[in-house]
């Protein structure tokens, strides 16, 4: 004997209920089968597409003992570059050894550290702050892009000057073997790098239609009375460094990374890499110039 059930207000027997349920299931199944199948996309893939939609910029800052300038540099660069919607990160390459400062070698180290994850670099002085919003830090697809041009730099105005702030693609930095490692002390490493670019037939481009000038395009925060530049020349440094270096570069920069720190300034993240540069004293004995003898005052 079949039991009876109340189904949607109607009293039906067990056999009829079973027939109705099977029919309902069949209709729903046919409807679902007719829907198009859309494969789900992994969440991490969507994030990857979003992240890689723009070229990523590594700002490489060669650095030593200029903390006050860094405190001003980081907030300024975040504010400036966020207006341009550029994916970037700031890497402070800090020299931690007893040798003279070597800006070019530190840039080489910064490039090696960042090249797997970033498409281009900005070789950026910590004491030079861009003030004109028309100075664009976008991907330099047409060649090296010198933002701090001779027409607008506060101090240097000769045609072949490419110091201060230079954007360059990963492939082009590799092509010229980076920068020379011979320049211990202050100056000339940018001039040698200009010759490398010229020899590789890479034309340096510069901003156009900039209406500001040397007085107001950049803020130069270097205090030369507080931090004197190391302009000493010793051994045969003057003779060697006035010529194009066809030996050293990014492929043979000698260094050790002692520590890496992810820190924040005003809640803005940066990466500090503490680097020991290793000097070949046979090739470049001027990495440690002897101090000049002190002149005794005649009473």
C-alpha atoms as a PDB file:
ATOM      1  CA  UNK A   1       0.000   0.000   0.000  1.00  0.00           C
ATOM      2  CA  UNK A   2       1.392   3.368  -0.982  1.00  0.00           C
ATOM      3  CA  UNK A   3       1.591   6.217   1.529  1.00  0.00           C
ATOM      4  CA  UNK A   4       0.187   9.592   0.504  1.00  0.00           C
ATOM      5  CA  UNK A   5       1.987  13.007   0.634  1.00  0.00           C
ATOM      6  CA  UNK A   6       0.920  16.620   0.503  1.00  0.00           C
ATOM      7  CA  UNK A   7       2.724  18.128  -2.523  1.00  0.00           C
ATOM      8  CA  UNK A   8       2.150  21.873  -3.293  1.00  0.00           C
ATOM      9  CA  UNK A   9      -1.322  21.659  -1.824  1.00  0.00           C
ATOM     10  CA  UNK A  10      -2.289  18.442  -3.595  1.00  0.00           C
ATOM     11  CA  UNK A  11      -2.536  15.084  -1.930  1.00  0.00           C
ATOM     12  CA  UNK A  12      -0.683  12.463  -3.963  1.00  0.00           C
ATOM     13  CA  UNK A  13       0.376   8.889  -3.432  1.00  0.00           C
ATOM     14  CA  UNK A  14       4.036   7.814  -3.072  1.00  0.00           C
ATOM     15  CA  UNK A  15       4.235   6.475  -6.623  1.00  0.00           C
ATOM     16  CA  UNK A  16       2.873   9.687  -8.118  1.00  0.00           C
ATOM     17  CA  UNK A  17       5.232  11.767  -5.972  1.00  0.00           C
ATOM     18  CA  UNK A  18       8.190   9.781  -7.235  1.00  0.00           C
ATOM     19  CA  UNK A  19       7.093  10.338 -10.842  1.00  0.00           C
ATOM     20  CA  UNK A  20       6.695  14.108 -10.325  1.00  0.00           C
ATOM     21  CA  UNK A  21      10.099  14.453  -8.646  1.00  0.00           C
ATOM     22  CA  UNK A  22      11.879  12.562 -11.394  1.00  0.00           C
ATOM     23  CA  UNK A  23      10.195  14.676 -14.047  1.00  0.00           C
ATOM     24  CA  UNK A  24      11.128  17.910 -12.284  1.00  0.00           C
ATOM     25  CA  UNK A  25      14.742  16.773 -11.953  1.00  0.00           C
ATOM     26  CA  UNK A  26      14.871  15.911 -15.667  1.00  0.00           C
ATOM     27  CA  UNK A  27      13.584  19.359 -16.708  1.00  0.00           C
ATOM     28  CA  UNK A  28      16.057  21.217 -14.469  1.00  0.00           C
ATOM     29  CA  UNK A  29      18.938  19.047 -15.705  1.00  0.00           C
ATOM     30  CA  UNK A  30      18.111  19.803 -19.352  1.00  0.00           C
ATOM     31  CA  UNK A  31      18.014  23.516 -18.610  1.00  0.00           C
ATOM     32  CA  UNK A  32      21.420  23.499 -16.907  1.00  0.00           C
ATOM     33  CA  UNK A  33      22.943  21.454 -19.712  1.00  0.00           C
ATOM     34  CA  UNK A  34      21.859  24.055 -22.242  1.00  0.00           C
ATOM     35  CA  UNK A  35      23.852  26.824 -20.505  1.00  0.00           C
ATOM     36  CA  UNK A  36      27.305  27.715 -22.015  1.00  0.00           C
ATOM     37  CA  UNK A  37      30.315  26.467 -20.092  1.00  0.00           C
ATOM     38  CA  UNK A  38      32.616  29.336 -19.064  1.00  0.00           C
ATOM     39  CA  UNK A  39      35.939  28.177 -17.581  1.00  0.00           C
ATOM     40  CA  UNK A  40      36.853  29.951 -14.377  1.00  0.00           C
ATOM     41  CA  UNK A  41      40.072  31.995 -14.455  1.00  0.00           C
ATOM     42  CA  UNK A  42      42.497  31.584 -11.557  1.00  0.00           C
ATOM     43  CA  UNK A  43      42.594  34.606  -9.292  1.00  0.00           C
ATOM     44  CA  UNK A  44      46.388  34.863  -9.388  1.00  0.00           C
ATOM     45  CA  UNK A  45      46.274  35.074 -13.201  1.00  0.00           C
ATOM     46  CA  UNK A  46      43.972  38.068 -13.078  1.00  0.00           C
ATOM     47  CA  UNK A  47      46.284  39.744 -10.576  1.00  0.00           C
ATOM     48  CA  UNK A  48      49.257  39.019 -12.827  1.00  0.00           C
ATOM     49  CA  UNK A  49      47.540  40.648 -15.836  1.00  0.00           C
ATOM     50  CA  UNK A  50      46.742  43.727 -13.783  1.00  0.00           C
ATOM     51  CA  UNK A  51      50.267  43.953 -12.394  1.00  0.00           C
ATOM     52  CA  UNK A  52      51.945  43.565 -15.790  1.00  0.00           C
ATOM     53  CA  UNK A  53      49.677  45.950 -17.706  1.00  0.00           C
ATOM     54  CA  UNK A  54      52.344  48.667 -17.361  1.00  0.00           C
ATOM     55  CA  UNK A  55      56.124  48.620 -17.465  1.00  0.00           C
ATOM     56  CA  UNK A  56      57.630  48.668 -13.983  1.00  0.00           C
ATOM     57  CA  UNK A  57      60.248  51.222 -12.947  1.00  0.00           C
ATOM     58  CA  UNK A  58      63.063  50.607 -10.462  1.00  0.00           C
ATOM     59  CA  UNK A  59      64.398  53.883  -9.068  1.00  0.00           C
ATOM     60  CA  UNK A  60      68.024  53.177  -8.191  1.00  0.00           C
ATOM     61  CA  UNK A  61      69.588  55.651  -5.774  1.00  0.00           C
ATOM     62  CA  UNK A  62      73.349  55.308  -5.100  1.00  0.00           C
ATOM     63  CA  UNK A  63      73.737  56.356  -1.497  1.00  0.00           C
ATOM     64  CA  UNK A  64      76.006  56.969   1.457  1.00  0.00           C
ATOM     65  CA  UNK A  65      75.350  58.924   4.663  1.00  0.00           C
ATOM     66  CA  UNK A  66      72.722  61.328   3.311  1.00  0.00           C
ATOM     67  CA  UNK A  67      69.803  60.476   5.544  1.00  0.00           C
ATOM     68  CA  UNK A  68      68.368  63.995   5.760  1.00  0.00           C
ATOM     69  CA  UNK A  69      68.156  64.191   1.971  1.00  0.00           C
ATOM     70  CA  UNK A  70      66.547  60.740   1.820  1.00  0.00           C
ATOM     71  CA  UNK A  71      63.828  61.876   4.236  1.00  0.00           C
ATOM     72  CA  UNK A  72      62.861  64.581   1.741  1.00  0.00           C
ATOM     73  CA  UNK A  73      63.450  62.519  -1.408  1.00  0.00           C
ATOM     74  CA  UNK A  74      61.100  59.590  -0.692  1.00  0.00           C
ATOM     75  CA  UNK A  75      57.854  61.484   0.072  1.00  0.00           C
ATOM     76  CA  UNK A  76      58.516  63.858  -2.814  1.00  0.00           C
ATOM     77  CA  UNK A  77      59.038  61.065  -5.352  1.00  0.00           C
ATOM     78  CA  UNK A  78      55.953  59.166  -4.215  1.00  0.00           C
ATOM     79  CA  UNK A  79      53.807  62.267  -4.570  1.00  0.00           C
ATOM     80  CA  UNK A  80      55.352  63.155  -7.939  1.00  0.00           C
ATOM     81  CA  UNK A  81      55.158  59.694  -9.532  1.00  0.00           C
ATOM     82  CA  UNK A  82      51.730  58.772  -8.191  1.00  0.00           C
ATOM     83  CA  UNK A  83      50.355  61.602 -10.313  1.00  0.00           C
ATOM     84  CA  UNK A  84      51.724  59.786 -13.379  1.00  0.00           C
ATOM     85  CA  UNK A  85      50.270  56.417 -12.342  1.00  0.00           C
ATOM     86  CA  UNK A  86      53.599  54.639 -12.863  1.00  0.00           C
ATOM     87  CA  UNK A  87      54.313  51.297 -11.100  1.00  0.00           C
ATOM     88  CA  UNK A  88      57.612  51.935  -9.312  1.00  0.00           C
ATOM     89  CA  UNK A  89      59.721  51.093  -6.298  1.00  0.00           C
ATOM     90  CA  UNK A  90      62.664  52.929  -4.752  1.00  0.00           C
ATOM     91  CA  UNK A  91      65.886  51.020  -4.098  1.00  0.00           C
ATOM     92  CA  UNK A  92      68.538  52.707  -1.957  1.00  0.00           C
ATOM     93  CA  UNK A  93      71.912  51.123  -2.788  1.00  0.00           C
ATOM     94  CA  UNK A  94      73.992  52.075   0.231  1.00  0.00           C
ATOM     95  CA  UNK A  95      77.771  51.693   0.145  1.00  0.00           C
ATOM     96  CA  UNK A  96      78.992  50.158   3.407  1.00  0.00           C
ATOM     97  CA  UNK A  97      82.766  49.838   3.179  1.00  0.00           C
ATOM     98  CA  UNK A  98      85.920  51.903   3.681  1.00  0.00           C
ATOM     99  CA  UNK A  99      86.485  52.692   0.016  1.00  0.00           C
ATOM    100  CA  UNK A 100      85.738  55.988  -1.659  1.00  0.00           C
ATOM    101  CA  UNK A 101      82.220  56.415  -2.984  1.00  0.00           C
ATOM    102  CA  UNK A 102      81.608  54.705  -6.335  1.00  0.00           C
ATOM    103  CA  UNK A 103      78.285  55.847  -7.790  1.00  0.00           C
ATOM    104  CA  UNK A 104      78.574  53.843 -11.020  1.00  0.00           C
ATOM    105  CA  UNK A 105      79.316  50.524  -9.310  1.00  0.00           C
ATOM    106  CA  UNK A 106      76.371  51.031  -6.968  1.00  0.00           C
ATOM    107  CA  UNK A 107      74.099  51.605  -9.964  1.00  0.00           C
ATOM    108  CA  UNK A 108      75.450  48.381 -11.496  1.00  0.00           C
ATOM    109  CA  UNK A 109      74.598  46.512  -8.287  1.00  0.00           C
ATOM    110  CA  UNK A 110      71.126  48.054  -8.191  1.00  0.00           C
ATOM    111  CA  UNK A 111      70.505  47.015 -11.775  1.00  0.00           C
ATOM    112  CA  UNK A 112      71.562  43.417 -11.089  1.00  0.00           C
ATOM    113  CA  UNK A 113      69.298  43.299  -8.033  1.00  0.00           C
ATOM    114  CA  UNK A 114      66.211  44.604  -9.855  1.00  0.00           C
ATOM    115  CA  UNK A 115      66.511  43.393 -13.454  1.00  0.00           C
ATOM    116  CA  UNK A 116      64.383  40.250 -13.070  1.00  0.00           C
ATOM    117  CA  UNK A 117      61.346  42.127 -11.809  1.00  0.00           C
ATOM    118  CA  UNK A 118      61.577  45.574 -13.430  1.00  0.00           C
ATOM    119  CA  UNK A 119      61.517  46.683 -17.068  1.00  0.00           C
ATOM    120  CA  UNK A 120      63.597  49.856 -16.784  1.00  0.00           C
ATOM    121  CA  UNK A 121      65.594  51.815 -14.255  1.00  0.00           C
ATOM    122  CA  UNK A 122      66.006  55.419 -13.232  1.00  0.00           C
ATOM    123  CA  UNK A 123      69.589  56.253 -12.291  1.00  0.00           C
ATOM    124  CA  UNK A 124      68.591  58.878  -9.753  1.00  0.00           C
ATOM    125  CA  UNK A 125      70.565  61.239  -7.510  1.00  0.00           C
ATOM    126  CA  UNK A 126      69.042  61.554  -4.050  1.00  0.00           C
ATOM    127  CA  UNK A 127      69.562  65.325  -3.963  1.00  0.00           C
ATOM    128  CA  UNK A 128      67.697  66.161  -7.196  1.00  0.00           C
ATOM    129  CA  UNK A 129      63.912  66.517  -6.919  1.00  0.00           C
ATOM    130  CA  UNK A 130      61.751  67.063 -10.043  1.00  0.00           C
ATOM    131  CA  UNK A 131      59.368  70.000  -9.641  1.00  0.00           C
ATOM    132  CA  UNK A 132      57.762  70.263 -13.087  1.00  0.00           C
ATOM    133  CA  UNK A 133      54.894  67.788 -13.619  1.00  0.00           C
ATOM    134  CA  UNK A 134      55.702  67.665 -17.344  1.00  0.00           C
ATOM    135  CA  UNK A 135      58.857  65.680 -16.579  1.00  0.00           C
ATOM    136  CA  UNK A 136      57.617  62.204 -17.438  1.00  0.00           C
ATOM    137  CA  UNK A 137      59.063  59.013 -15.969  1.00  0.00           C
ATOM    138  CA  UNK A 138      57.300  56.637 -18.390  1.00  0.00           C
ATOM    139  CA  UNK A 139      58.928  53.713 -20.178  1.00  0.00           C
ATOM    140  CA  UNK A 140      61.687  55.053 -22.512  1.00  0.00           C
ATOM    141  CA  UNK A 141      60.754  52.923 -25.514  1.00  0.00           C
ATOM    142  CA  UNK A 142      62.640  55.116 -28.008  1.00  0.00           C
ATOM    143  CA  UNK A 143      65.972  55.176 -26.191  1.00  0.00           C
ATOM    144  CA  UNK A 144      67.657  56.445 -23.004  1.00  0.00           C
ATOM    145  CA  UNK A 145      65.733  59.416 -21.615  1.00  0.00           C
ATOM    146  CA  UNK A 146      67.650  62.100 -19.737  1.00  0.00           C
ATOM    147  CA  UNK A 147      65.153  63.874 -17.486  1.00  0.00           C
ATOM    148  CA  UNK A 148      67.610  66.362 -15.953  1.00  0.00           C
ATOM    149  CA  UNK A 149      68.725  67.846 -19.254  1.00  0.00           C
ATOM    150  CA  UNK A 150      71.488  70.452 -19.577  1.00  0.00           C
ATOM    151  CA  UNK A 151      68.842  73.094 -20.263  1.00  0.00           C
ATOM    152  CA  UNK A 152      67.098  72.565 -16.939  1.00  0.00           C
ATOM    153  CA  UNK A 153      69.660  71.083 -14.530  1.00  0.00           C
ATOM    154  CA  UNK A 154      70.502  73.549 -11.731  1.00  0.00           C
ATOM    155  CA  UNK A 155      74.264  73.217 -12.214  1.00  0.00           C
ATOM    156  CA  UNK A 156      75.499  71.386 -15.334  1.00  0.00           C
ATOM    157  CA  UNK A 157      74.756  72.678 -18.830  1.00  0.00           C
ATOM    158  CA  UNK A 158      77.171  71.035 -21.300  1.00  0.00           C
ATOM    159  CA  UNK A 159      75.619  69.110 -24.200  1.00  0.00           C
ATOM    160  CA  UNK A 160      76.943  65.645 -23.330  1.00  0.00           C
ATOM    161  CA  UNK A 161      75.848  65.799 -19.691  1.00  0.00           C
ATOM    162  CA  UNK A 162      73.595  62.854 -18.751  1.00  0.00           C
ATOM    163  CA  UNK A 163      73.895  62.863 -14.943  1.00  0.00           C
ATOM    164  CA  UNK A 164      71.262  63.505 -12.319  1.00  0.00           C
ATOM    165  CA  UNK A 165      68.291  61.472 -13.589  1.00  0.00           C
ATOM    166  CA  UNK A 166      68.471  59.068 -16.535  1.00  0.00           C
ATOM    167  CA  UNK A 167      65.890  56.469 -17.568  1.00  0.00           C
ATOM    168  CA  UNK A 168      67.111  53.433 -19.487  1.00  0.00           C
ATOM    169  CA  UNK A 169      65.609  50.113 -20.551  1.00  0.00           C
ATOM    170  CA  UNK A 170      66.950  46.858 -19.196  1.00  0.00           C
ATOM    171  CA  UNK A 171      68.064  45.724 -22.660  1.00  0.00           C
ATOM    172  CA  UNK A 172      70.014  48.916 -23.348  1.00  0.00           C
ATOM    173  CA  UNK A 173      71.808  48.866 -19.997  1.00  0.00           C
ATOM    174  CA  UNK A 174      72.859  45.297 -20.761  1.00  0.00           C
ATOM    175  CA  UNK A 175      73.883  46.244 -24.299  1.00  0.00           C
ATOM    176  CA  UNK A 176      76.500  48.759 -23.119  1.00  0.00           C
ATOM    177  CA  UNK A 177      77.647  46.561 -20.192  1.00  0.00           C
ATOM    178  CA  UNK A 178      76.324  49.022 -17.644  1.00  0.00           C
ATOM    179  CA  UNK A 179      78.688  51.577 -16.160  1.00  0.00           C
ATOM    180  CA  UNK A 180      82.437  51.579 -15.599  1.00  0.00           C
ATOM    181  CA  UNK A 181      83.652  50.443 -12.166  1.00  0.00           C
ATOM    182  CA  UNK A 182      86.802  52.593 -12.290  1.00  0.00           C
ATOM    183  CA  UNK A 183      85.335  55.815 -10.917  1.00  0.00           C
ATOM    184  CA  UNK A 184      86.066  56.038  -7.201  1.00  0.00           C
ATOM    185  CA  UNK A 185      85.446  59.496  -5.807  1.00  0.00           C
ATOM    186  CA  UNK A 186      83.312  62.171  -7.387  1.00  0.00           C
ATOM    187  CA  UNK A 187      82.677  62.819 -11.076  1.00  0.00           C
ATOM    188  CA  UNK A 188      83.187  61.671 -14.703  1.00  0.00           C
ATOM    189  CA  UNK A 189      81.345  58.317 -14.528  1.00  0.00           C
ATOM    190  CA  UNK A 190      78.342  59.823 -16.354  1.00  0.00           C
ATOM    191  CA  UNK A 191      80.558  61.258 -19.085  1.00  0.00           C
ATOM    192  CA  UNK A 192      82.088  57.820 -19.659  1.00  0.00           C
ATOM    193  CA  UNK A 193      78.588  56.288 -19.762  1.00  0.00           C
ATOM    194  CA  UNK A 194      77.578  58.827 -22.426  1.00  0.00           C
ATOM    195  CA  UNK A 195      80.419  57.528 -24.623  1.00  0.00           C
ATOM    196  CA  UNK A 196      79.190  53.957 -24.102  1.00  0.00           C
ATOM    197  CA  UNK A 197      75.725  54.944 -25.285  1.00  0.00           C
ATOM    198  CA  UNK A 198      77.164  56.797 -28.266  1.00  0.00           C
ATOM    199  CA  UNK A 199      79.361  53.831 -29.263  1.00  0.00           C
ATOM    200  CA  UNK A 200      76.252  51.619 -29.166  1.00  0.00           C
ATOM    201  CA  UNK A 201      74.443  54.158 -31.378  1.00  0.00           C
ATOM    202  CA  UNK A 202      71.869  54.848 -28.678  1.00  0.00           C
ATOM    203  CA  UNK A 203      70.586  58.404 -28.947  1.00  0.00           C
ATOM    204  CA  UNK A 204      69.879  60.134 -25.662  1.00  0.00           C
ATOM    205  CA  UNK A 205      66.463  61.814 -25.682  1.00  0.00           C
ATOM    206  CA  UNK A 206      65.372  64.663 -23.424  1.00  0.00           C
ATOM    207  CA  UNK A 207      62.089  66.289 -22.350  1.00  0.00           C
ATOM    208  CA  UNK A 208      60.540  68.715 -24.817  1.00  0.00           C
ATOM    209  CA  UNK A 209      58.361  71.788 -24.313  1.00  0.00           C
ATOM    210  CA  UNK A 210      59.541  72.363 -20.744  1.00  0.00           C
ATOM    211  CA  UNK A 211      58.835  76.000 -19.949  1.00  0.00           C
ATOM    212  CA  UNK A 212      60.726  76.101 -16.648  1.00  0.00           C
ATOM    213  CA  UNK A 213      64.476  76.635 -16.441  1.00  0.00           C
ATOM    214  CA  UNK A 214      67.508  75.797 -14.274  1.00  0.00           C
ATOM    215  CA  UNK A 215      66.098  77.782 -11.364  1.00  0.00           C
ATOM    216  CA  UNK A 216      62.734  76.044 -10.974  1.00  0.00           C
ATOM    217  CA  UNK A 217      62.626  72.713 -12.860  1.00  0.00           C
ATOM    218  CA  UNK A 218      64.377  70.833 -10.052  1.00  0.00           C
ATOM    219  CA  UNK A 219      65.082  71.344  -6.389  1.00  0.00           C
ATOM    220  CA  UNK A 220      68.731  70.664  -5.633  1.00  0.00           C
ATOM    221  CA  UNK A 221      69.048  69.854  -1.929  1.00  0.00           C
ATOM    222  CA  UNK A 222      72.795  69.159  -1.722  1.00  0.00           C
ATOM    223  CA  UNK A 223      74.621  71.273   0.834  1.00  0.00           C
ATOM    224  CA  UNK A 224      78.197  71.480  -0.419  1.00  0.00           C
ATOM    225  CA  UNK A 225      79.436  73.123   2.779  1.00  0.00           C
ATOM    226  CA  UNK A 226      78.079  70.247   4.868  1.00  0.00           C
ATOM    227  CA  UNK A 227      78.970  67.434   2.427  1.00  0.00           C
ATOM    228  CA  UNK A 228      82.051  68.245   0.424  1.00  0.00           C
ATOM    229  CA  UNK A 229      82.554  66.237  -2.754  1.00  0.00           C
ATOM    230  CA  UNK A 230      85.529  63.882  -2.860  1.00  0.00           C
ATOM    231  CA  UNK A 231      87.400  65.324  -5.836  1.00  0.00           C
ATOM    232  CA  UNK A 232      90.845  63.997  -4.922  1.00  0.00           C
ATOM    233  CA  UNK A 233      92.945  62.437  -7.677  1.00  0.00           C
ATOM    234  CA  UNK A 234      95.690  60.008  -6.695  1.00  0.00           C
ATOM    235  CA  UNK A 235      97.997  57.439  -8.300  1.00  0.00           C
ATOM    236  CA  UNK A 236      97.238  57.352 -12.060  1.00  0.00           C
ATOM    237  CA  UNK A 237      93.519  58.014 -11.616  1.00  0.00           C
ATOM    238  CA  UNK A 238      93.432  61.174 -13.689  1.00  0.00           C
ATOM    239  CA  UNK A 239      95.026  59.479 -16.706  1.00  0.00           C
ATOM    240  CA  UNK A 240      92.945  56.280 -16.590  1.00  0.00           C
ATOM    241  CA  UNK A 241      89.543  57.840 -15.998  1.00  0.00           C
ATOM    242  CA  UNK A 242      89.778  60.332 -18.846  1.00  0.00           C
ATOM    243  CA  UNK A 243      89.543  57.468 -21.367  1.00  0.00           C
ATOM    244  CA  UNK A 244      86.692  55.161 -22.357  1.00  0.00           C
ATOM    245  CA  UNK A 245      86.719  51.998 -20.215  1.00  0.00           C
ATOM    246  CA  UNK A 246      86.348  48.946 -22.464  1.00  0.00           C
ATOM    247  CA  UNK A 247      87.016  46.399 -19.727  1.00  0.00           C
ATOM    248  CA  UNK A 248      84.816  46.831 -16.673  1.00  0.00           C
ATOM    249  CA  UNK A 249      81.064  47.090 -16.352  1.00  0.00           C
ATOM    250  CA  UNK A 250      77.952  45.490 -14.917  1.00  0.00           C
ATOM    251  CA  UNK A 251      79.191  41.995 -15.820  1.00  0.00           C
ATOM    252  CA  UNK A 252      82.201  42.151 -13.486  1.00  0.00           C
ATOM    253  CA  UNK A 253      81.276  44.551 -10.684  1.00  0.00           C
ATOM    254  CA  UNK A 254      82.716  43.027  -7.496  1.00  0.00           C
ATOM    255  CA  UNK A 255      80.499  43.320  -4.427  1.00  0.00           C
ATOM    256  CA  UNK A 256      78.829  41.640  -1.485  1.00  0.00           C
ATOM    257  CA  UNK A 257      75.316  42.349  -0.252  1.00  0.00           C
ATOM    258  CA  UNK A 258      75.505  42.446   3.542  1.00  0.00           C
ATOM    259  CA  UNK A 259      71.825  43.030   4.232  1.00  0.00           C
ATOM    260  CA  UNK A 260      68.538  44.042   2.667  1.00  0.00           C
ATOM    261  CA  UNK A 261      65.869  45.963   4.556  1.00  0.00           C
ATOM    262  CA  UNK A 262      62.302  46.828   3.612  1.00  0.00           C
ATOM    263  CA  UNK A 263      61.643  50.043   5.493  1.00  0.00           C
ATOM    264  CA  UNK A 264      59.200  52.943   5.360  1.00  0.00           C
ATOM    265  CA  UNK A 265      59.610  56.693   5.440  1.00  0.00           C
ATOM    266  CA  UNK A 266      56.360  58.468   6.337  1.00  0.00           C
ATOM    267  CA  UNK A 267      54.668  55.072   5.795  1.00  0.00           C
ATOM    268  CA  UNK A 268      56.050  54.917   2.231  1.00  0.00           C
ATOM    269  CA  UNK A 269      57.907  51.643   1.485  1.00  0.00           C
ATOM    270  CA  UNK A 270      61.436  51.531   0.103  1.00  0.00           C
ATOM    271  CA  UNK A 271      64.169  48.883  -0.041  1.00  0.00           C
ATOM    272  CA  UNK A 272      67.626  49.571   1.400  1.00  0.00           C
ATOM    273  CA  UNK A 273      70.454  47.312   0.190  1.00  0.00           C
ATOM    274  CA  UNK A 274      73.709  47.516   2.130  1.00  0.00           C
ATOM    275  CA  UNK A 275      76.578  46.780  -0.246  1.00  0.00           C
ATOM    276  CA  UNK A 276      80.287  46.270   0.171  1.00  0.00           C
ATOM    277  CA  UNK A 277      82.146  47.187  -3.009  1.00  0.00           C
ATOM    278  CA  UNK A 278      85.321  45.172  -3.476  1.00  0.00           C
ATOM    279  CA  UNK A 279      88.236  47.146  -4.874  1.00  0.00           C
ATOM    280  CA  UNK A 280      90.877  45.668  -7.142  1.00  0.00           C
ATOM    281  CA  UNK A 281      93.781  47.704  -5.812  1.00  0.00           C
ATOM    282  CA  UNK A 282      96.042  46.590  -8.633  1.00  0.00           C
ATOM    283  CA  UNK A 283      93.712  48.022 -11.281  1.00  0.00           C
ATOM    284  CA  UNK A 284      92.285  50.968  -9.318  1.00  0.00           C
ATOM    285  CA  UNK A 285      94.509  51.799  -6.326  1.00  0.00           C
ATOM    286  CA  UNK A 286      92.729  55.168  -6.072  1.00  0.00           C
ATOM    287  CA  UNK A 287      89.753  53.505  -4.380  1.00  0.00           C
ATOM    288  CA  UNK A 288      91.555  54.595  -1.225  1.00  0.00           C
ATOM    289  CA  UNK A 289      93.460  57.828  -1.681  1.00  0.00           C
ATOM    290  CA  UNK A 290      95.900  58.651   1.108  1.00  0.00           C
ATOM    291  CA  UNK A 291      94.925  61.745   3.006  1.00  0.00           C
ATOM    292  CA  UNK A 292      97.048  64.779   2.072  1.00  0.00           C
ATOM    293  CA  UNK A 293      99.500  65.820   4.778  1.00  0.00           C
ATOM    294  CA  UNK A 294      98.255  68.557   7.035  1.00  0.00           C
ATOM    295  CA  UNK A 295     100.091  71.831   6.659  1.00  0.00           C
ATOM    296  CA  UNK A 296     101.416  73.094   9.935  1.00  0.00           C
ATOM    297  CA  UNK A 297     100.628  76.670  10.688  1.00  0.00           C
ATOM    298  CA  UNK A 298     103.660  78.893  11.154  1.00  0.00           C
ATOM    299  CA  UNK A 299     103.454  80.850  14.352  1.00  0.00           C
END
